[in-house]
Amino acid sequence: MRKFILVAPLFLVACASEPVVVRSVQHQVVMPQESMFNCPTVASFPESRTLTDVQVARLIVQLYQNNTTCRNSMNSLRQFLENAKRTAEANNQEAD
């Protein structure tokens, strides 16, 4: 029992001599605007057996326009999230 009493203060001294670093991590959820999630779809395709050349051309144009709109939305969303990430990282570095 006496050996334990003599050794215990040594452990406490060893722990107290090292600096204690306390960090707080703050997570923040960033939600993009609903308008950034704009990927239009074709609600229903026309009957393929009765399609005319004009209807096929219109469908291709509509699909192309939808793809362009969706691509632009995804690019805007990517930029928004990259900016949010940069801002969060900068705030974390300032806190350190």
PDB file of N, CA and C in Angstrom:
ATOM      1  N   MET A   1       0.815  -1.184   0.000  1.00  0.00           N
ATOM      2  CA  MET A   1       0.000   0.000   0.000  1.00  0.00           C
ATOM      3  C   MET A   1       0.870   1.263   0.000  1.00  0.00           C
ATOM      4  N   ARG A   2       1.985   1.214   0.741  1.00  0.00           N
ATOM      5  CA  ARG A   2       2.858   2.379   0.800  1.00  0.00           C
ATOM      6  C   ARG A   2       3.506   2.654  -0.554  1.00  0.00           C
ATOM      7  N   LYS A   3       3.829   1.619  -1.302  1.00  0.00           N
ATOM      8  CA  LYS A   3       4.427   1.805  -2.628  1.00  0.00           C
ATOM      9  C   LYS A   3       3.454   2.535  -3.546  1.00  0.00           C
ATOM     10  N   PHE A   4       2.193   2.181  -3.469  1.00  0.00           N
ATOM     11  CA  PHE A   4       1.179   2.817  -4.306  1.00  0.00           C
ATOM     12  C   PHE A   4       1.034   4.296  -3.949  1.00  0.00           C
ATOM     13  N   ILE A   5       1.066   4.617  -2.703  1.00  0.00           N
ATOM     14  CA  ILE A   5       0.934   6.009  -2.267  1.00  0.00           C
ATOM     15  C   ILE A   5       2.119   6.830  -2.756  1.00  0.00           C
ATOM     16  N   LEU A   6       3.310   6.267  -2.819  1.00  0.00           N
ATOM     17  CA  LEU A   6       4.484   6.987  -3.286  1.00  0.00           C
ATOM     18  C   LEU A   6       4.487   7.156  -4.807  1.00  0.00           C
ATOM     19  N   VAL A   7       3.959   6.200  -5.517  1.00  0.00           N
ATOM     20  CA  VAL A   7       3.975   6.234  -6.975  1.00  0.00           C
ATOM     21  C   VAL A   7       2.851   7.121  -7.522  1.00  0.00           C
ATOM     22  N   ALA A   8       1.711   7.178  -6.869  1.00  0.00           N
ATOM     23  CA  ALA A   8       0.565   7.947  -7.355  1.00  0.00           C
ATOM     24  C   ALA A   8       0.886   9.423  -7.577  1.00  0.00           C
ATOM     25  N   PRO A   9       1.603  10.106  -6.658  1.00  0.00           N
ATOM     26  CA  PRO A   9       1.930  11.517  -6.919  1.00  0.00           C
ATOM     27  C   PRO A   9       2.822  11.700  -8.144  1.00  0.00           C
ATOM     28  N   LEU A  10       3.640  10.716  -8.461  1.00  0.00           N
ATOM     29  CA  LEU A  10       4.486  10.818  -9.654  1.00  0.00           C
ATOM     30  C   LEU A  10       3.649  10.858 -10.925  1.00  0.00           C
ATOM     31  N   PHE A  11       2.594  10.076 -10.963  1.00  0.00           N
ATOM     32  CA  PHE A  11       1.711  10.092 -12.135  1.00  0.00           C
ATOM     33  C   PHE A  11       1.026  11.446 -12.281  1.00  0.00           C
ATOM     34  N   LEU A  12       0.616  12.015 -11.182  1.00  0.00           N
ATOM     35  CA  LEU A  12      -0.049  13.311 -11.230  1.00  0.00           C
ATOM     36  C   LEU A  12       0.901  14.413 -11.687  1.00  0.00           C
ATOM     37  N   VAL A  13       2.158  14.355 -11.260  1.00  0.00           N
ATOM     38  CA  VAL A  13       3.143  15.351 -11.665  1.00  0.00           C
ATOM     39  C   VAL A  13       3.414  15.240 -13.156  1.00  0.00           C
ATOM     40  N   ALA A  14       3.502  14.017 -13.661  1.00  0.00           N
ATOM     41  CA  ALA A  14       3.778  13.813 -15.085  1.00  0.00           C
ATOM     42  C   ALA A  14       2.636  14.361 -15.932  1.00  0.00           C
ATOM     43  N   CYS A  15       1.419  14.191 -15.508  1.00  0.00           N
ATOM     44  CA  CYS A  15       0.268  14.682 -16.274  1.00  0.00           C
ATOM     45  C   CYS A  15       0.200  16.204 -16.234  1.00  0.00           C
ATOM     46  N   ALA A  16       0.544  16.783 -15.119  1.00  0.00           N
ATOM     47  CA  ALA A  16       0.415  18.223 -14.970  1.00  0.00           C
ATOM     48  C   ALA A  16       1.507  18.990 -15.705  1.00  0.00           C
ATOM     49  N   SER A  17       2.622  18.335 -16.022  1.00  0.00           N
ATOM     50  CA  SER A  17       3.720  19.055 -16.658  1.00  0.00           C
ATOM     51  C   SER A  17       3.499  19.283 -18.155  1.00  0.00           C
ATOM     52  N   GLU A  18       2.635  18.520 -18.793  1.00  0.00           N
ATOM     53  CA  GLU A  18       2.375  18.694 -20.223  1.00  0.00           C
ATOM     54  C   GLU A  18       1.244  19.706 -20.416  1.00  0.00           C
ATOM     55  N   PRO A  19       1.392  20.601 -21.384  1.00  0.00           N
ATOM     56  CA  PRO A  19       0.304  21.567 -21.619  1.00  0.00           C
ATOM     57  C   PRO A  19      -0.923  20.865 -22.195  1.00  0.00           C
ATOM     58  N   VAL A  20      -2.039  21.299 -21.775  1.00  0.00           N
ATOM     59  CA  VAL A  20      -3.297  20.724 -22.236  1.00  0.00           C
ATOM     60  C   VAL A  20      -3.857  21.638 -23.316  1.00  0.00           C
ATOM     61  N   VAL A  21      -4.116  21.063 -24.474  1.00  0.00           N
ATOM     62  CA  VAL A  21      -4.681  21.818 -25.590  1.00  0.00           C
ATOM     63  C   VAL A  21      -6.140  21.421 -25.722  1.00  0.00           C
ATOM     64  N   VAL A  22      -6.998  22.394 -25.601  1.00  0.00           N
ATOM     65  CA  VAL A  22      -8.426  22.143 -25.726  1.00  0.00           C
ATOM     66  C   VAL A  22      -8.899  22.802 -27.014  1.00  0.00           C
ATOM     67  N   ARG A  23      -9.494  22.010 -27.855  1.00  0.00           N
ATOM     68  CA  ARG A  23     -10.031  22.539 -29.116  1.00  0.00           C
ATOM     69  C   ARG A  23     -11.523  22.281 -29.153  1.00  0.00           C
ATOM     70  N   SER A  24     -12.206  23.238 -29.664  1.00  0.00           N
ATOM     71  CA  SER A  24     -13.626  23.007 -29.861  1.00  0.00           C
ATOM     72  C   SER A  24     -13.891  23.012 -31.355  1.00  0.00           C
ATOM     73  N   VAL A  25     -14.625  22.036 -31.771  1.00  0.00           N
ATOM     74  CA  VAL A  25     -14.963  21.913 -33.184  1.00  0.00           C
ATOM     75  C   VAL A  25     -16.424  22.281 -33.339  1.00  0.00           C
ATOM     76  N   GLN A  26     -16.666  23.188 -34.235  1.00  0.00           N
ATOM     77  CA  GLN A  26     -18.034  23.611 -34.483  1.00  0.00           C
ATOM     78  C   GLN A  26     -18.391  23.242 -35.909  1.00  0.00           C
ATOM     79  N   HIS A  27     -19.446  22.490 -36.059  1.00  0.00           N
ATOM     80  CA  HIS A  27     -19.925  22.104 -37.386  1.00  0.00           C
ATOM     81  C   HIS A  27     -21.145  22.931 -37.719  1.00  0.00           C
ATOM     82  N   GLN A  28     -21.175  23.382 -38.934  1.00  0.00           N
ATOM     83  CA  GLN A  28     -22.302  24.193 -39.374  1.00  0.00           C
ATOM     84  C   GLN A  28     -22.833  23.603 -40.665  1.00  0.00           C
ATOM     85  N   VAL A  29     -24.112  23.365 -40.709  1.00  0.00           N
ATOM     86  CA  VAL A  29     -24.745  22.816 -41.902  1.00  0.00           C
ATOM     87  C   VAL A  29     -25.136  23.972 -42.805  1.00  0.00           C
ATOM     88  N   VAL A  30     -24.687  23.899 -44.044  1.00  0.00           N
ATOM     89  CA  VAL A  30     -24.982  24.948 -45.012  1.00  0.00           C
ATOM     90  C   VAL A  30     -25.928  24.356 -46.054  1.00  0.00           C
ATOM     91  N   MET A  31     -27.102  24.931 -46.130  1.00  0.00           N
ATOM     92  CA  MET A  31     -28.080  24.451 -47.102  1.00  0.00           C
ATOM     93  C   MET A  31     -28.197  25.450 -48.253  1.00  0.00           C
ATOM     94  N   PRO A  32     -27.994  24.975 -49.460  1.00  0.00           N
ATOM     95  CA  PRO A  32     -28.164  25.850 -50.624  1.00  0.00           C
ATOM     96  C   PRO A  32     -29.634  26.217 -50.813  1.00  0.00           C
ATOM     97  N   GLN A  33     -29.828  27.262 -51.581  1.00  0.00           N
ATOM     98  CA  GLN A  33     -31.196  27.676 -51.885  1.00  0.00           C
ATOM     99  C   GLN A  33     -31.879  26.600 -52.722  1.00  0.00           C
ATOM    100  N   GLU A  34     -33.161  26.501 -52.558  1.00  0.00           N
ATOM    101  CA  GLU A  34     -33.939  25.490 -53.278  1.00  0.00           C
ATOM    102  C   GLU A  34     -33.840  25.687 -54.797  1.00  0.00           C
ATOM    103  N   SER A  35     -33.674  26.928 -55.238  1.00  0.00           N
ATOM    104  CA  SER A  35     -33.597  27.205 -56.675  1.00  0.00           C
ATOM    105  C   SER A  35     -32.352  26.599 -57.316  1.00  0.00           C
ATOM    106  N   MET A  36     -31.349  26.244 -56.499  1.00  0.00           N
ATOM    107  CA  MET A  36     -30.138  25.646 -57.051  1.00  0.00           C
ATOM    108  C   MET A  36     -30.345  24.189 -57.444  1.00  0.00           C
ATOM    109  N   PHE A  37     -31.399  23.587 -56.955  1.00  0.00           N
ATOM    110  CA  PHE A  37     -31.693  22.189 -57.278  1.00  0.00           C
ATOM    111  C   PHE A  37     -32.671  22.144 -58.458  1.00  0.00           C
ATOM    112  N   ASN A  38     -32.244  22.662 -59.586  1.00  0.00           N
ATOM    113  CA  ASN A  38     -33.134  22.770 -60.739  1.00  0.00           C
ATOM    114  C   ASN A  38     -32.655  21.850 -61.844  1.00  0.00           C
ATOM    115  N   CYS A  39     -33.226  20.653 -61.900  1.00  0.00           N
ATOM    116  CA  CYS A  39     -32.932  19.705 -62.978  1.00  0.00           C
ATOM    117  C   CYS A  39     -34.257  19.215 -63.547  1.00  0.00           C
ATOM    118  N   PRO A  40     -34.775  19.929 -64.550  1.00  0.00           N
ATOM    119  CA  PRO A  40     -36.074  19.542 -65.112  1.00  0.00           C
ATOM    120  C   PRO A  40     -36.000  18.193 -65.823  1.00  0.00           C
ATOM    121  N   THR A  41     -37.089  17.510 -65.796  1.00  0.00           N
ATOM    122  CA  THR A  41     -37.183  16.207 -66.473  1.00  0.00           C
ATOM    123  C   THR A  41     -38.369  16.229 -67.425  1.00  0.00           C
ATOM    124  N   VAL A  42     -38.391  15.258 -68.287  1.00  0.00           N
ATOM    125  CA  VAL A  42     -39.530  15.090 -69.190  1.00  0.00           C
ATOM    126  C   VAL A  42     -40.551  14.249 -68.446  1.00  0.00           C
ATOM    127  N   ALA A  43     -41.737  14.797 -68.241  1.00  0.00           N
ATOM    128  CA  ALA A  43     -42.758  14.116 -67.442  1.00  0.00           C
ATOM    129  C   ALA A  43     -43.182  12.795 -68.080  1.00  0.00           C
ATOM    130  N   SER A  44     -43.413  12.820 -69.354  1.00  0.00           N
ATOM    131  CA  SER A  44     -43.791  11.583 -70.049  1.00  0.00           C
ATOM    132  C   SER A  44     -43.334  11.674 -71.501  1.00  0.00           C
ATOM    133  N   PHE A  45     -42.849  10.567 -71.966  1.00  0.00           N
ATOM    134  CA  PHE A  45     -42.384  10.512 -73.355  1.00  0.00           C
ATOM    135  C   PHE A  45     -43.556  10.146 -74.256  1.00  0.00           C
ATOM    136  N   PRO A  46     -43.561  10.707 -75.450  1.00  0.00           N
ATOM    137  CA  PRO A  46     -44.633  10.358 -76.388  1.00  0.00           C
ATOM    138  C   PRO A  46     -44.510   8.891 -76.825  1.00  0.00           C
ATOM    139  N   GLU A  47     -45.585   8.385 -77.333  1.00  0.00           N
ATOM    140  CA  GLU A  47     -45.599   6.998 -77.826  1.00  0.00           C
ATOM    141  C   GLU A  47     -44.595   6.871 -78.965  1.00  0.00           C
ATOM    142  N   SER A  48     -43.661   5.984 -78.833  1.00  0.00           N
ATOM    143  CA  SER A  48     -42.570   5.879 -79.811  1.00  0.00           C
ATOM    144  C   SER A  48     -43.028   5.365 -81.178  1.00  0.00           C
ATOM    145  N   ARG A  49     -44.079   4.592 -81.200  1.00  0.00           N
ATOM    146  CA  ARG A  49     -44.536   4.043 -82.489  1.00  0.00           C
ATOM    147  C   ARG A  49     -45.171   5.099 -83.377  1.00  0.00           C
ATOM    148  N   THR A  50     -45.704   6.142 -82.776  1.00  0.00           N
ATOM    149  CA  THR A  50     -46.430   7.153 -83.561  1.00  0.00           C
ATOM    150  C   THR A  50     -45.686   8.481 -83.648  1.00  0.00           C
ATOM    151  N   LEU A  51     -44.435   8.513 -83.216  1.00  0.00           N
ATOM    152  CA  LEU A  51     -43.670   9.763 -83.245  1.00  0.00           C
ATOM    153  C   LEU A  51     -43.376  10.206 -84.673  1.00  0.00           C
ATOM    154  N   THR A  52     -43.536  11.480 -84.887  1.00  0.00           N
ATOM    155  CA  THR A  52     -43.140  12.038 -86.181  1.00  0.00           C
ATOM    156  C   THR A  52     -41.728  12.612 -86.028  1.00  0.00           C
ATOM    157  N   ASP A  53     -41.134  12.950 -87.138  1.00  0.00           N
ATOM    158  CA  ASP A  53     -39.790  13.540 -87.109  1.00  0.00           C
ATOM    159  C   ASP A  53     -39.777  14.859 -86.334  1.00  0.00           C
ATOM    160  N   VAL A  54     -40.823  15.643 -86.460  1.00  0.00           N
ATOM    161  CA  VAL A  54     -40.914  16.917 -85.755  1.00  0.00           C
ATOM    162  C   VAL A  54     -40.993  16.675 -84.246  1.00  0.00           C
ATOM    163  N   GLN A  55     -41.760  15.690 -83.823  1.00  0.00           N
ATOM    164  CA  GLN A  55     -41.870  15.377 -82.396  1.00  0.00           C
ATOM    165  C   GLN A  55     -40.533  14.880 -81.829  1.00  0.00           C
ATOM    166  N   VAL A  56     -39.805  14.091 -82.598  1.00  0.00           N
ATOM    167  CA  VAL A  56     -38.488  13.622 -82.169  1.00  0.00           C
ATOM    168  C   VAL A  56     -37.543  14.816 -82.020  1.00  0.00           C
ATOM    169  N   ALA A  57     -37.583  15.708 -82.993  1.00  0.00           N
ATOM    170  CA  ALA A  57     -36.718  16.883 -82.937  1.00  0.00           C
ATOM    171  C   ALA A  57     -37.057  17.749 -81.724  1.00  0.00           C
ATOM    172  N   ARG A  58     -38.340  17.950 -81.466  1.00  0.00           N
ATOM    173  CA  ARG A  58     -38.753  18.745 -80.294  1.00  0.00           C
ATOM    174  C   ARG A  58     -38.316  18.078 -78.989  1.00  0.00           C
ATOM    175  N   LEU A  59     -38.432  16.756 -78.940  1.00  0.00           N
ATOM    176  CA  LEU A  59     -38.022  16.025 -77.745  1.00  0.00           C
ATOM    177  C   LEU A  59     -36.517  16.158 -77.521  1.00  0.00           C
ATOM    178  N   ILE A  60     -35.742  16.062 -78.589  1.00  0.00           N
ATOM    179  CA  ILE A  60     -34.285  16.209 -78.474  1.00  0.00           C
ATOM    180  C   ILE A  60     -33.930  17.613 -77.991  1.00  0.00           C
ATOM    181  N   VAL A  61     -34.595  18.614 -78.530  1.00  0.00           N
ATOM    182  CA  VAL A  61     -34.340  19.999 -78.103  1.00  0.00           C
ATOM    183  C   VAL A  61     -34.708  20.169 -76.633  1.00  0.00           C
ATOM    184  N   GLN A  62     -35.843  19.601 -76.226  1.00  0.00           N
ATOM    185  CA  GLN A  62     -36.259  19.715 -74.832  1.00  0.00           C
ATOM    186  C   GLN A  62     -35.253  19.018 -73.912  1.00  0.00           C
ATOM    187  N   LEU A  63     -34.800  17.830 -74.285  1.00  0.00           N
ATOM    188  CA  LEU A  63     -33.811  17.116 -73.476  1.00  0.00           C
ATOM    189  C   LEU A  63     -32.497  17.892 -73.397  1.00  0.00           C
ATOM    190  N   TYR A  64     -32.094  18.487 -74.487  1.00  0.00           N
ATOM    191  CA  TYR A  64     -30.874  19.285 -74.512  1.00  0.00           C
ATOM    192  C   TYR A  64     -30.995  20.499 -73.583  1.00  0.00           C
ATOM    193  N   GLN A  65     -32.140  21.187 -73.661  1.00  0.00           N
ATOM    194  CA  GLN A  65     -32.363  22.350 -72.798  1.00  0.00           C
ATOM    195  C   GLN A  65     -32.405  21.945 -71.320  1.00  0.00           C
ATOM    196  N   ASN A  66     -33.067  20.823 -71.024  1.00  0.00           N
ATOM    197  CA  ASN A  66     -33.112  20.333 -69.646  1.00  0.00           C
ATOM    198  C   ASN A  66     -31.708  20.002 -69.145  1.00  0.00           C
ATOM    199  N   ASN A  67     -30.910  19.387 -70.006  1.00  0.00           N
ATOM    200  CA  ASN A  67     -29.542  19.043 -69.626  1.00  0.00           C
ATOM    201  C   ASN A  67     -28.717  20.305 -69.345  1.00  0.00           C
ATOM    202  N   THR A  68     -28.875  21.312 -70.177  1.00  0.00           N
ATOM    203  CA  THR A  68     -28.147  22.572 -69.983  1.00  0.00           C
ATOM    204  C   THR A  68     -28.558  23.240 -68.669  1.00  0.00           C
ATOM    205  N   THR A  69     -29.846  23.273 -68.394  1.00  0.00           N
ATOM    206  CA  THR A  69     -30.344  23.861 -67.150  1.00  0.00           C
ATOM    207  C   THR A  69     -29.799  23.105 -65.942  1.00  0.00           C
ATOM    208  N   CYS A  70     -29.826  21.796 -66.013  1.00  0.00           N
ATOM    209  CA  CYS A  70     -29.346  20.977 -64.901  1.00  0.00           C
ATOM    210  C   CYS A  70     -27.840  21.159 -64.704  1.00  0.00           C
ATOM    211  N   ARG A  71     -27.093  21.167 -65.780  1.00  0.00           N
ATOM    212  CA  ARG A  71     -25.636  21.364 -65.695  1.00  0.00           C
ATOM    213  C   ARG A  71     -25.318  22.720 -65.063  1.00  0.00           C
ATOM    214  N   ASN A  72     -26.021  23.766 -65.477  1.00  0.00           N
ATOM    215  CA  ASN A  72     -25.810  25.093 -64.886  1.00  0.00           C
ATOM    216  C   ASN A  72     -26.160  25.100 -63.399  1.00  0.00           C
ATOM    217  N   SER A  73     -27.224  24.406 -63.030  1.00  0.00           N
ATOM    218  CA  SER A  73     -27.614  24.323 -61.624  1.00  0.00           C
ATOM    219  C   SER A  73     -26.552  23.591 -60.807  1.00  0.00           C
ATOM    220  N   MET A  74     -26.037  22.499 -61.340  1.00  0.00           N
ATOM    221  CA  MET A  74     -25.014  21.736 -60.624  1.00  0.00           C
ATOM    222  C   MET A  74     -23.719  22.541 -60.494  1.00  0.00           C
ATOM    223  N   ASN A  75     -23.377  23.307 -61.511  1.00  0.00           N
ATOM    224  CA  ASN A  75     -22.183  24.167 -61.425  1.00  0.00           C
ATOM    225  C   ASN A  75     -22.370  25.246 -60.357  1.00  0.00           C
ATOM    226  N   SER A  76     -23.556  25.841 -60.307  1.00  0.00           N
ATOM    227  CA  SER A  76     -23.849  26.849 -59.279  1.00  0.00           C
ATOM    228  C   SER A  76     -23.799  26.228 -57.888  1.00  0.00           C
ATOM    229  N   LEU A  77     -24.344  25.041 -57.765  1.00  0.00           N
ATOM    230  CA  LEU A  77     -24.336  24.336 -56.493  1.00  0.00           C
ATOM    231  C   LEU A  77     -22.905  24.006 -56.063  1.00  0.00           C
ATOM    232  N   ARG A  78     -22.094  23.560 -57.001  1.00  0.00           N
ATOM    233  CA  ARG A  78     -20.688  23.250 -56.702  1.00  0.00           C
ATOM    234  C   ARG A  78     -19.947  24.509 -56.225  1.00  0.00           C
ATOM    235  N   GLN A  79     -20.149  25.620 -56.910  1.00  0.00           N
ATOM    236  CA  GLN A  79     -19.505  26.876 -56.510  1.00  0.00           C
ATOM    237  C   GLN A  79     -19.966  27.310 -55.120  1.00  0.00           C
ATOM    238  N   PHE A  80     -21.256  27.182 -54.855  1.00  0.00           N
ATOM    239  CA  PHE A  80     -21.795  27.550 -53.551  1.00  0.00           C
ATOM    240  C   PHE A  80     -21.149  26.718 -52.447  1.00  0.00           C
ATOM    241  N   LEU A  81     -21.049  25.407 -52.658  1.00  0.00           N
ATOM    242  CA  LEU A  81     -20.479  24.527 -51.644  1.00  0.00           C
ATOM    243  C   LEU A  81     -18.979  24.752 -51.474  1.00  0.00           C
ATOM    244  N   GLU A  82     -18.274  25.027 -52.565  1.00  0.00           N
ATOM    245  CA  GLU A  82     -16.844  25.326 -52.455  1.00  0.00           C
ATOM    246  C   GLU A  82     -16.620  26.619 -51.665  1.00  0.00           C
ATOM    247  N   ASN A  83     -17.452  27.621 -51.909  1.00  0.00           N
ATOM    248  CA  ASN A  83     -17.349  28.878 -51.150  1.00  0.00           C
ATOM    249  C   ASN A  83     -17.669  28.650 -49.673  1.00  0.00           C
ATOM    250  N   ALA A  84     -18.675  27.836 -49.399  1.00  0.00           N
ATOM    251  CA  ALA A  84     -19.026  27.535 -48.008  1.00  0.00           C
ATOM    252  C   ALA A  84     -17.890  26.790 -47.323  1.00  0.00           C
ATOM    253  N   LYS A  85     -17.260  25.879 -48.047  1.00  0.00           N
ATOM    254  CA  LYS A  85     -16.128  25.136 -47.485  1.00  0.00           C
ATOM    255  C   LYS A  85     -14.960  26.075 -47.185  1.00  0.00           C
ATOM    256  N   ARG A  86     -14.645  26.956 -48.126  1.00  0.00           N
ATOM    257  CA  ARG A  86     -13.554  27.908 -47.914  1.00  0.00           C
ATOM    258  C   ARG A  86     -13.830  28.811 -46.709  1.00  0.00           C
ATOM    259  N   THR A  87     -15.066  29.278 -46.602  1.00  0.00           N
ATOM    260  CA  THR A  87     -15.436  30.141 -45.481  1.00  0.00           C
ATOM    261  C   THR A  87     -15.310  29.391 -44.153  1.00  0.00           C
ATOM    262  N   ALA A  88     -15.777  28.150 -44.119  1.00  0.00           N
ATOM    263  CA  ALA A  88     -15.695  27.356 -42.885  1.00  0.00           C
ATOM    264  C   ALA A  88     -14.243  27.084 -42.511  1.00  0.00           C
ATOM    265  N   GLU A  89     -13.409  26.765 -43.501  1.00  0.00           N
ATOM    266  CA  GLU A  89     -11.999  26.517 -43.224  1.00  0.00           C
ATOM    267  C   GLU A  89     -11.307  27.777 -42.730  1.00  0.00           C
ATOM    268  N   ALA A  90     -11.655  28.916 -43.307  1.00  0.00           N
ATOM    269  CA  ALA A  90     -11.059  30.181 -42.865  1.00  0.00           C
ATOM    270  C   ALA A  90     -11.486  30.500 -41.443  1.00  0.00           C
ATOM    271  N   ASN A  91     -12.744  30.251 -41.116  1.00  0.00           N
ATOM    272  CA  ASN A  91     -13.228  30.488 -39.753  1.00  0.00           C
ATOM    273  C   ASN A  91     -12.545  29.549 -38.761  1.00  0.00           C
ATOM    274  N   ASN A  92     -12.302  28.307 -39.176  1.00  0.00           N
ATOM    275  CA  ASN A  92     -11.622  27.357 -38.298  1.00  0.00           C
ATOM    276  C   ASN A  92     -10.167  27.785 -38.050  1.00  0.00           C
ATOM    277  N   GLN A  93      -9.515  28.310 -39.088  1.00  0.00           N
ATOM    278  CA  GLN A  93      -8.128  28.741 -38.920  1.00  0.00           C
ATOM    279  C   GLN A  93      -8.048  29.965 -38.021  1.00  0.00           C
ATOM    280  N   GLU A  94      -9.018  30.862 -38.113  1.00  0.00           N
ATOM    281  CA  GLU A  94      -9.047  32.037 -37.250  1.00  0.00           C
ATOM    282  C   GLU A  94      -9.257  31.629 -35.791  1.00  0.00           C
ATOM    283  N   ALA A  95     -10.049  30.578 -35.589  1.00  0.00           N
ATOM    284  CA  ALA A  95     -10.321  30.116 -34.218  1.00  0.00           C
ATOM    285  C   ALA A  95      -9.103  29.450 -33.600  1.00  0.00           C
ATOM    286  N   ASP A  96      -8.241  28.882 -34.445  1.00  0.00           N
ATOM    287  CA  ASP A  96      -7.030  28.220 -33.901  1.00  0.00           C
ATOM    288  C   ASP A  96      -6.070  29.268 -33.501  1.00  0.00           C
TER     289      ASP A  96
END
